[in-house]
């Protein structure tokens, strides 16, 4: 008998999980409370742990043509000193793509696989027995419920598993610029000045993505539109680029953190930001969501009973997300809370990561993705 899944949330995690389960033979319905599948206008970083999964499902090429493959990553101090200048290895792909392009490609893949995407469909709660309650009072039964409804997840919080989420003390502006004037090369650059950071990268043939991170207490930095005089004093190297950045559409939000003691309860699985919301400092929010959706599908293929598959899935995957959360928060603190009077010591941290690759490996554990988990689909085939 065909198994059925109900998924709350039509974002990256929900669409990825829906597509993968449908390709594995499930019937799937995705509930999206909005009237369309839409992401905020910005770019997003993707690395091999997610790109390999998209490759497996035949979606990578469709997405890659809308993004930019990075060839180099740099970190530059306020005075122009280059602290890091790293060529991206050919075997470790890194792309920046428009967020909307990613959800569009995943929605395409989901619909091609037969997933029903129900728009204007708001989920109220779920029960461990496999019941999904919609806001209009309807109740849907399924073999599997997936909570992919974001860091402020109603389903997760309604399960009473001790989860919590909160805002961190870092704010960020995301700018999506409809040209490549400030990003002519396929490289990602982070500029540092005190407790502020500006990241610049191309995002496809026609767009540039810029993020500006700063302590939430920095009232001048929070002003929109940007105070160009203030930002130019902080980042004199970007004197010409800042007016272009300031003129682009901007969204501002706070970094968030999710603590979720368990990723499952009965027949309910929690994925994406609902399970492991984290600061975007390592560019792995989407990567973890896609990777965990893939391994959830693999676990359910190896073990037909969701009550057994979900604990196995979490035991195999949790350590990667937990470590990535920890290092993302450390990176955030390194940026936001480093004492300005000790600014002269910060280059020593860059030196350590440049000269001790084991540190980078520990920090970027998620980049290795499916190669370090028993739920790798490749290991199953080999066995």
Protein backbone atom coordinates (compact mmCIF):
# COMPACT_ATOMS: atom_id res chain seq x y z
CA UNK A 1 0.00 0.00 0.00
CA UNK A 2 1.28 3.46 -0.88
CA UNK A 3 2.36 5.49 2.13
CA UNK A 4 1.12 9.07 2.51
CA UNK A 5 2.85 12.18 3.92
CA UNK A 6 1.43 15.56 4.90
CA UNK A 7 3.96 18.41 5.03
CA UNK A 8 3.52 21.77 6.73
CA UNK A 9 5.51 24.47 4.93
CA UNK A 10 6.22 25.14 1.26
CA UNK A 11 9.73 26.47 1.71
CA UNK A 12 13.09 24.86 0.99
CA UNK A 13 12.80 22.05 3.56
CA UNK A 14 9.17 21.17 2.84
CA UNK A 15 9.48 21.17 -0.95
CA UNK A 16 12.72 19.17 -0.85
CA UNK A 17 11.25 16.54 1.46
CA UNK A 18 8.04 16.36 -0.56
CA UNK A 19 9.86 15.85 -3.84
CA UNK A 20 12.16 13.18 -2.43
CA UNK A 21 9.38 11.21 -0.74
CA UNK A 22 7.25 11.35 -3.90
CA UNK A 23 10.17 10.07 -5.96
CA UNK A 24 10.45 7.22 -3.43
CA UNK A 25 6.83 6.21 -4.07
CA UNK A 26 4.92 8.18 -1.44
CA UNK A 27 1.82 10.24 -2.03
CA UNK A 28 2.55 13.73 -0.67
CA UNK A 29 0.65 16.89 0.06
CA UNK A 30 2.51 20.13 0.95
CA UNK A 31 0.58 22.86 2.77
CA UNK A 32 1.68 26.45 2.16
CA UNK A 33 -0.20 29.18 3.99
CA UNK A 34 0.64 31.86 1.39
CA UNK A 35 -1.03 32.28 -1.99
CA UNK A 36 2.20 31.42 -3.84
CA UNK A 37 5.53 29.70 -3.35
CA UNK A 38 7.74 32.67 -2.63
CA UNK A 39 10.98 33.57 -0.85
CA UNK A 40 12.25 37.01 0.12
CA UNK A 41 14.42 38.57 -2.56
CA UNK A 42 18.02 37.73 -1.70
CA UNK A 43 20.79 35.32 -2.53
CA UNK A 44 21.72 32.08 -0.83
CA UNK A 45 24.95 30.08 -0.57
CA UNK A 46 24.91 26.39 -1.49
CA UNK A 47 27.73 23.89 -1.11
CA UNK A 48 28.32 20.31 -2.16
CA UNK A 49 26.25 18.72 0.61
CA UNK A 50 23.12 20.19 -1.00
CA UNK A 51 24.37 20.43 -4.60
CA UNK A 52 25.09 16.69 -4.69
CA UNK A 53 21.51 15.98 -3.64
CA UNK A 54 20.13 18.32 -6.32
CA UNK A 55 22.40 16.57 -8.81
CA UNK A 56 21.01 13.19 -7.77
CA UNK A 57 17.45 14.38 -8.47
CA UNK A 58 18.31 15.98 -11.82
CA UNK A 59 17.76 19.57 -10.66
CA UNK A 60 21.28 20.90 -10.35
CA UNK A 61 21.73 22.06 -13.95
CA UNK A 62 18.39 23.89 -13.91
CA UNK A 63 19.49 25.77 -10.80
CA UNK A 64 23.16 26.25 -11.70
CA UNK A 65 22.36 28.31 -14.80
CA UNK A 66 20.57 30.80 -12.55
CA UNK A 67 23.46 31.12 -10.07
CA UNK A 68 27.19 31.75 -9.93
CA UNK A 69 29.88 29.21 -9.15
CA UNK A 70 32.41 30.85 -6.87
CA UNK A 71 36.10 30.47 -7.66
CA UNK A 72 37.56 32.33 -4.70
CA UNK A 73 36.71 33.47 -1.17
CA UNK A 74 38.36 36.48 0.48
CA UNK A 75 38.29 38.27 3.85
CA UNK A 76 39.55 41.86 3.91
CA UNK A 77 40.11 44.24 6.82
CA UNK A 78 39.01 47.86 6.90
CA UNK A 79 42.50 49.02 5.90
CA UNK A 80 42.62 46.68 2.90
CA UNK A 81 44.71 43.91 4.47
CA UNK A 82 43.70 40.57 3.00
CA UNK A 83 43.32 38.07 5.84
CA UNK A 84 42.11 35.15 3.76
CA UNK A 85 42.35 34.47 0.04
CA UNK A 86 41.22 30.95 -0.69
CA UNK A 87 40.67 29.35 -4.06
CA UNK A 88 37.56 27.15 -4.02
CA UNK A 89 38.73 23.63 -4.97
CA UNK A 90 37.20 22.07 -8.06
CA UNK A 91 35.95 19.13 -5.96
CA UNK A 92 34.19 21.43 -3.45
CA UNK A 93 31.64 23.44 -5.36
CA UNK A 94 30.20 26.64 -3.91
CA UNK A 95 27.35 28.51 -5.60
CA UNK A 96 25.37 31.65 -4.86
CA UNK A 97 21.86 31.56 -6.31
CA UNK A 98 18.74 33.69 -5.91
CA UNK A 99 16.63 32.25 -3.08
CA UNK A 100 13.57 32.42 -5.31
CA UNK A 101 15.34 30.33 -7.95
CA UNK A 102 16.03 27.61 -5.40
CA UNK A 103 12.42 27.35 -4.22
CA UNK A 104 11.18 27.52 -7.82
CA UNK A 105 13.42 24.62 -8.82
CA UNK A 106 12.35 22.58 -5.80
CA UNK A 107 8.67 23.34 -6.48
CA UNK A 108 9.19 22.26 -10.10
CA UNK A 109 10.79 19.02 -8.95
CA UNK A 110 8.01 18.40 -6.45
CA UNK A 111 5.23 18.92 -8.97
CA UNK A 112 7.03 16.75 -11.54
CA UNK A 113 7.16 14.00 -8.94
CA UNK A 114 3.41 14.27 -8.33
CA UNK A 115 3.38 16.29 -5.09
CA UNK A 116 0.16 18.18 -4.40
CA UNK A 117 0.99 21.73 -3.29
CA UNK A 118 -1.97 23.23 -1.45
CA UNK A 119 -1.73 27.02 -1.37
CA UNK A 120 -3.62 29.20 1.14
CA UNK A 121 -3.59 26.15 3.41
CA UNK A 122 -2.58 26.99 6.97
CA UNK A 123 -1.60 24.29 9.42
CA UNK A 124 -2.61 24.60 13.07
CA UNK A 125 -1.02 21.58 14.77
CA UNK A 126 -0.07 17.92 14.47
CA UNK A 127 -0.38 14.89 16.70
CA UNK A 128 2.13 12.06 17.10
CA UNK A 129 -0.39 9.53 15.78
CA UNK A 130 -0.15 11.10 12.31
CA UNK A 131 -2.99 13.65 12.41
CA UNK A 132 -2.57 17.10 10.90
CA UNK A 133 -5.05 19.79 11.93
CA UNK A 134 -5.62 22.67 9.51
CA UNK A 135 -6.73 26.14 10.57
CA UNK A 136 -10.10 25.65 8.86
CA UNK A 137 -10.84 22.68 11.12
CA UNK A 138 -10.09 19.87 8.67
CA UNK A 139 -8.05 16.96 9.94
CA UNK A 140 -5.74 14.98 7.64
CA UNK A 141 -4.39 11.53 8.49
CA UNK A 142 -1.02 10.34 7.22
CA UNK A 143 1.70 7.77 7.75
CA UNK A 144 4.10 10.68 8.22
CA UNK A 145 3.74 14.33 9.19
CA UNK A 146 6.63 16.70 8.45
CA UNK A 147 6.98 20.00 10.28
CA UNK A 148 8.86 22.27 7.88
CA UNK A 149 7.13 25.45 9.03
CA UNK A 150 10.16 27.53 9.98
CA UNK A 151 11.94 28.57 13.15
CA UNK A 152 8.64 29.78 14.65
CA UNK A 153 7.07 26.35 14.06
CA UNK A 154 3.56 25.83 15.38
CA UNK A 155 3.81 22.07 14.97
CA UNK A 156 7.11 21.75 16.85
CA UNK A 157 5.96 23.97 19.70
CA UNK A 158 2.66 22.10 19.96
CA UNK A 159 4.40 18.76 20.50
CA UNK A 160 5.67 19.80 23.96
CA UNK A 161 9.14 18.38 23.43
CA UNK A 162 10.95 21.22 25.19
CA UNK A 163 11.90 23.14 22.04
CA UNK A 164 12.56 26.87 22.13
CA UNK A 165 13.66 29.60 19.73
CA UNK A 166 14.97 33.10 20.25
CA UNK A 167 16.51 36.07 18.47
CA UNK A 168 20.24 36.64 18.74
CA UNK A 169 21.90 40.02 19.20
CA UNK A 170 22.96 40.30 15.55
CA UNK A 171 20.92 42.12 12.92
CA UNK A 172 21.45 41.78 9.18
CA UNK A 173 20.41 43.62 6.04
CA UNK A 174 20.04 41.60 2.86
CA UNK A 175 20.34 43.51 -0.41
CA UNK A 176 19.59 41.99 -3.82
CA UNK A 177 21.01 44.16 -6.55
CA UNK A 178 19.76 43.76 -10.16
CA UNK A 179 23.20 44.08 -11.75
CA UNK A 180 26.79 42.82 -11.48
CA UNK A 181 28.46 46.24 -11.24
CA UNK A 182 29.96 45.53 -7.82
CA UNK A 183 30.57 41.79 -8.41
CA UNK A 184 32.29 41.44 -11.80
CA UNK A 185 34.31 38.40 -10.66
CA UNK A 186 33.07 34.97 -9.47
CA UNK A 187 34.28 35.50 -5.93
CA UNK A 188 32.82 36.06 -2.50
CA UNK A 189 34.33 38.84 -0.38
CA UNK A 190 33.76 39.63 3.29
CA UNK A 191 34.83 43.04 4.50
CA UNK A 192 35.43 43.53 8.24
CA UNK A 193 35.32 46.72 10.30
CA UNK A 194 35.05 46.47 14.07
CA UNK A 195 31.86 44.56 14.85
CA UNK A 196 30.39 45.10 11.40
CA UNK A 197 30.73 42.84 8.37
CA UNK A 198 29.72 43.24 4.72
CA UNK A 199 29.57 40.23 2.39
CA UNK A 200 29.42 40.69 -1.38
CA UNK A 201 28.95 37.97 -4.01
CA UNK A 202 27.50 37.53 -7.50
CA UNK A 203 24.19 35.67 -7.62
CA UNK A 204 23.63 34.60 -11.19
CA UNK A 205 24.28 36.40 -14.47
CA UNK A 206 22.30 39.52 -13.58
CA UNK A 207 22.30 39.98 -9.80
CA UNK A 208 24.56 40.64 -6.83
CA UNK A 209 23.84 39.57 -3.27
CA UNK A 210 25.04 41.67 -0.33
CA UNK A 211 24.56 41.07 3.38
CA UNK A 212 25.46 43.56 6.08
CA UNK A 213 25.72 42.15 9.61
CA UNK A 214 26.08 44.25 12.76
CA UNK A 215 25.21 44.19 16.50
CA UNK A 216 21.55 44.88 17.09
CA UNK A 217 22.55 47.57 19.60
CA UNK A 218 24.24 49.54 16.79
CA UNK A 219 21.41 52.04 16.26
CA UNK A 220 23.21 53.89 13.45
CA UNK A 221 23.86 50.70 11.51
CA UNK A 222 20.16 49.75 11.79
CA UNK A 223 18.99 52.86 9.95
CA UNK A 224 17.32 52.30 6.61
CA UNK A 225 18.10 53.55 4.09
CA UNK A 226 21.78 53.16 4.92
CA UNK A 227 23.56 56.12 6.46
CA UNK A 228 26.14 56.38 3.69
CA UNK A 229 28.45 58.77 5.56
CA UNK A 230 28.62 56.40 8.54
CA UNK A 231 29.12 53.26 6.46
CA UNK A 232 31.76 54.92 4.29
CA UNK A 233 33.74 55.87 7.39
CA UNK A 234 33.54 52.25 8.54
CA UNK A 235 34.30 50.75 5.10
CA UNK A 236 36.31 53.28 3.07
CA UNK A 237 37.23 50.57 0.54
CA UNK A 238 33.54 50.38 -0.43
CA UNK A 239 33.07 54.10 -1.00
CA UNK A 240 31.90 53.56 -4.60
CA UNK A 241 29.90 50.39 -3.97
CA UNK A 242 27.88 51.56 -0.97
CA UNK A 243 25.55 53.91 -2.93
CA UNK A 244 24.73 51.00 -5.26
CA UNK A 245 24.03 48.75 -2.28
CA UNK A 246 21.91 51.39 -0.53
CA UNK A 247 19.72 51.88 -3.61
CA UNK A 248 18.77 48.18 -3.82
CA UNK A 249 15.70 46.56 -2.20
CA UNK A 250 16.53 45.66 1.40
CA UNK A 251 15.17 43.34 4.09
CA UNK A 252 16.32 43.56 7.70
CA UNK A 253 15.97 40.86 10.33
CA UNK A 254 17.63 39.37 13.42
CA UNK A 255 19.63 36.18 13.50
CA UNK A 256 17.68 33.41 15.21
CA UNK A 257 18.51 30.21 17.05
CA UNK A 258 16.43 27.07 17.55
CA UNK A 259 16.97 24.50 20.27
CA UNK A 260 15.02 21.34 19.49
CA UNK A 261 15.77 18.44 21.88
CA UNK A 262 14.10 15.91 19.56
CA UNK A 263 13.47 15.95 15.83
CA UNK A 264 10.57 13.52 16.00
CA UNK A 265 7.52 12.63 18.03
CA UNK A 266 5.62 9.55 16.98
CA UNK A 267 4.93 9.94 13.25
CA UNK A 268 5.93 13.61 13.17
CA UNK A 269 9.37 14.60 11.84
CA UNK A 270 10.80 18.11 12.27
CA UNK A 271 13.16 19.43 9.58
CA UNK A 272 14.69 22.66 8.31
CA UNK A 273 14.72 25.78 10.46
CA UNK A 274 12.04 24.26 12.70
CA UNK A 275 14.65 21.71 13.84
CA UNK A 276 17.96 23.53 13.57
CA UNK A 277 17.49 27.22 12.87
CA UNK A 278 20.88 28.90 13.17
CA UNK A 279 22.83 32.05 12.27
CA UNK A 280 23.63 32.06 8.52
CA UNK A 281 27.33 32.67 9.17
CA UNK A 282 28.45 29.38 7.55
CA UNK A 283 25.92 29.47 4.70
CA UNK A 284 24.47 26.07 5.65
CA UNK A 285 20.82 26.71 6.55
CA UNK A 286 19.52 25.43 3.21
CA UNK A 287 22.27 22.83 3.01
CA UNK A 288 21.23 21.19 6.27
CA UNK A 289 17.56 21.28 5.26
CA UNK A 290 18.17 19.59 1.91
CA UNK A 291 20.64 17.07 3.31
CA UNK A 292 18.36 16.11 6.21
CA UNK A 293 15.38 15.77 3.88
CA UNK A 294 17.42 13.38 1.74
CA UNK A 295 18.50 11.24 4.68
CA UNK A 296 14.96 11.23 6.11
CA UNK A 297 13.79 9.77 2.80
CA UNK A 298 16.60 7.22 2.92
CA UNK A 299 15.71 6.17 6.46
CA UNK A 300 12.07 5.71 5.46
CA UNK A 301 13.16 3.62 2.48
CA UNK A 302 15.22 1.31 4.68
CA UNK A 303 12.61 1.08 7.46
CA UNK A 304 8.95 1.09 6.41
CA UNK A 305 7.60 1.96 9.85
CA UNK A 306 8.01 5.70 10.55
CA UNK A 307 7.97 5.00 14.29
CA UNK A 308 11.29 3.17 13.85
CA UNK A 309 12.71 5.17 10.93
CA UNK A 310 12.52 8.60 12.56
CA UNK A 311 14.63 7.82 15.65
CA UNK A 312 17.20 6.09 13.42
CA UNK A 313 17.33 9.10 11.09
CA UNK A 314 17.89 11.51 13.95
CA UNK A 315 20.59 9.35 15.53
CA UNK A 316 22.50 9.31 12.23
CA UNK A 317 22.18 13.01 11.35
CA UNK A 318 21.85 15.08 14.47
CA UNK A 319 25.56 15.43 15.22
CA UNK A 320 26.16 17.28 11.93
CA UNK A 321 23.47 19.88 12.57
CA UNK A 322 24.39 20.30 16.23
CA UNK A 323 28.05 20.96 15.41
CA UNK A 324 27.10 23.35 12.61
CA UNK A 325 24.85 25.29 14.98
CA UNK A 326 27.66 25.59 17.53
CA UNK A 327 30.21 26.82 15.01
CA UNK A 328 27.72 29.21 13.41
CA UNK A 329 27.14 30.81 16.80
CA UNK A 330 30.89 31.00 17.49
CA UNK A 331 31.42 32.72 14.15
CA UNK A 332 28.61 35.14 14.97
CA UNK A 333 30.20 35.98 18.33
CA UNK A 334 33.59 36.40 16.66
CA UNK A 335 32.03 39.05 14.45
CA UNK A 336 29.55 40.75 16.73
CA UNK A 337 31.11 40.61 20.18
CA UNK A 338 34.87 40.77 19.61
CA UNK A 339 36.15 43.64 21.83
CA UNK A 340 37.17 46.57 19.66
CA UNK A 341 40.15 47.23 21.95
CA UNK A 342 41.43 43.76 21.04
CA UNK A 343 40.96 44.25 17.31
CA UNK A 344 44.69 43.72 16.79
CA UNK A 345 44.33 40.10 17.96
CA UNK A 346 41.62 39.08 15.49
CA UNK A 347 44.12 38.39 12.66
CA UNK A 348 45.51 35.59 14.83
CA UNK A 349 42.20 33.75 14.50
CA UNK A 350 42.37 34.04 10.72
CA UNK A 351 45.95 32.78 10.87
CA UNK A 352 44.92 29.72 12.89
CA UNK A 353 42.20 28.71 10.43
CA UNK A 354 44.51 29.35 7.48
CA UNK A 355 47.28 27.20 8.94
CA UNK A 356 45.37 24.43 10.74
CA UNK A 357 42.96 22.82 8.25
CA UNK A 358 41.61 20.55 10.99
CA UNK A 359 39.91 23.61 12.54
CA UNK A 360 38.17 24.41 9.27
CA UNK A 361 37.12 20.77 8.89
CA UNK A 362 35.53 20.83 12.33
CA UNK A 363 33.77 24.11 11.65
CA UNK A 364 32.55 23.06 8.21
CA UNK A 365 31.45 19.56 9.11
CA UNK A 366 28.22 20.03 7.13
CA UNK A 367 30.16 20.61 3.91
CA UNK A 368 31.13 16.92 3.94
CA UNK A 369 27.45 16.06 4.21
CA UNK A 370 26.37 12.61 3.19
CA UNK A 371 29.91 11.25 3.10
CA UNK A 372 30.04 11.05 6.90
CA UNK A 373 26.65 9.54 7.75
CA UNK A 374 25.43 5.92 7.77
CA UNK A 375 22.37 7.18 5.88
CA UNK A 376 24.30 8.02 2.75
CA UNK A 377 22.29 6.60 -0.17
CA UNK A 378 25.58 5.63 -1.78
CA UNK A 379 26.58 3.47 1.18
CA UNK A 380 23.24 1.69 0.95
CA UNK A 381 23.82 0.91 -2.73
CA UNK A 382 27.34 -0.29 -2.01
CA UNK A 383 26.08 -2.58 0.72
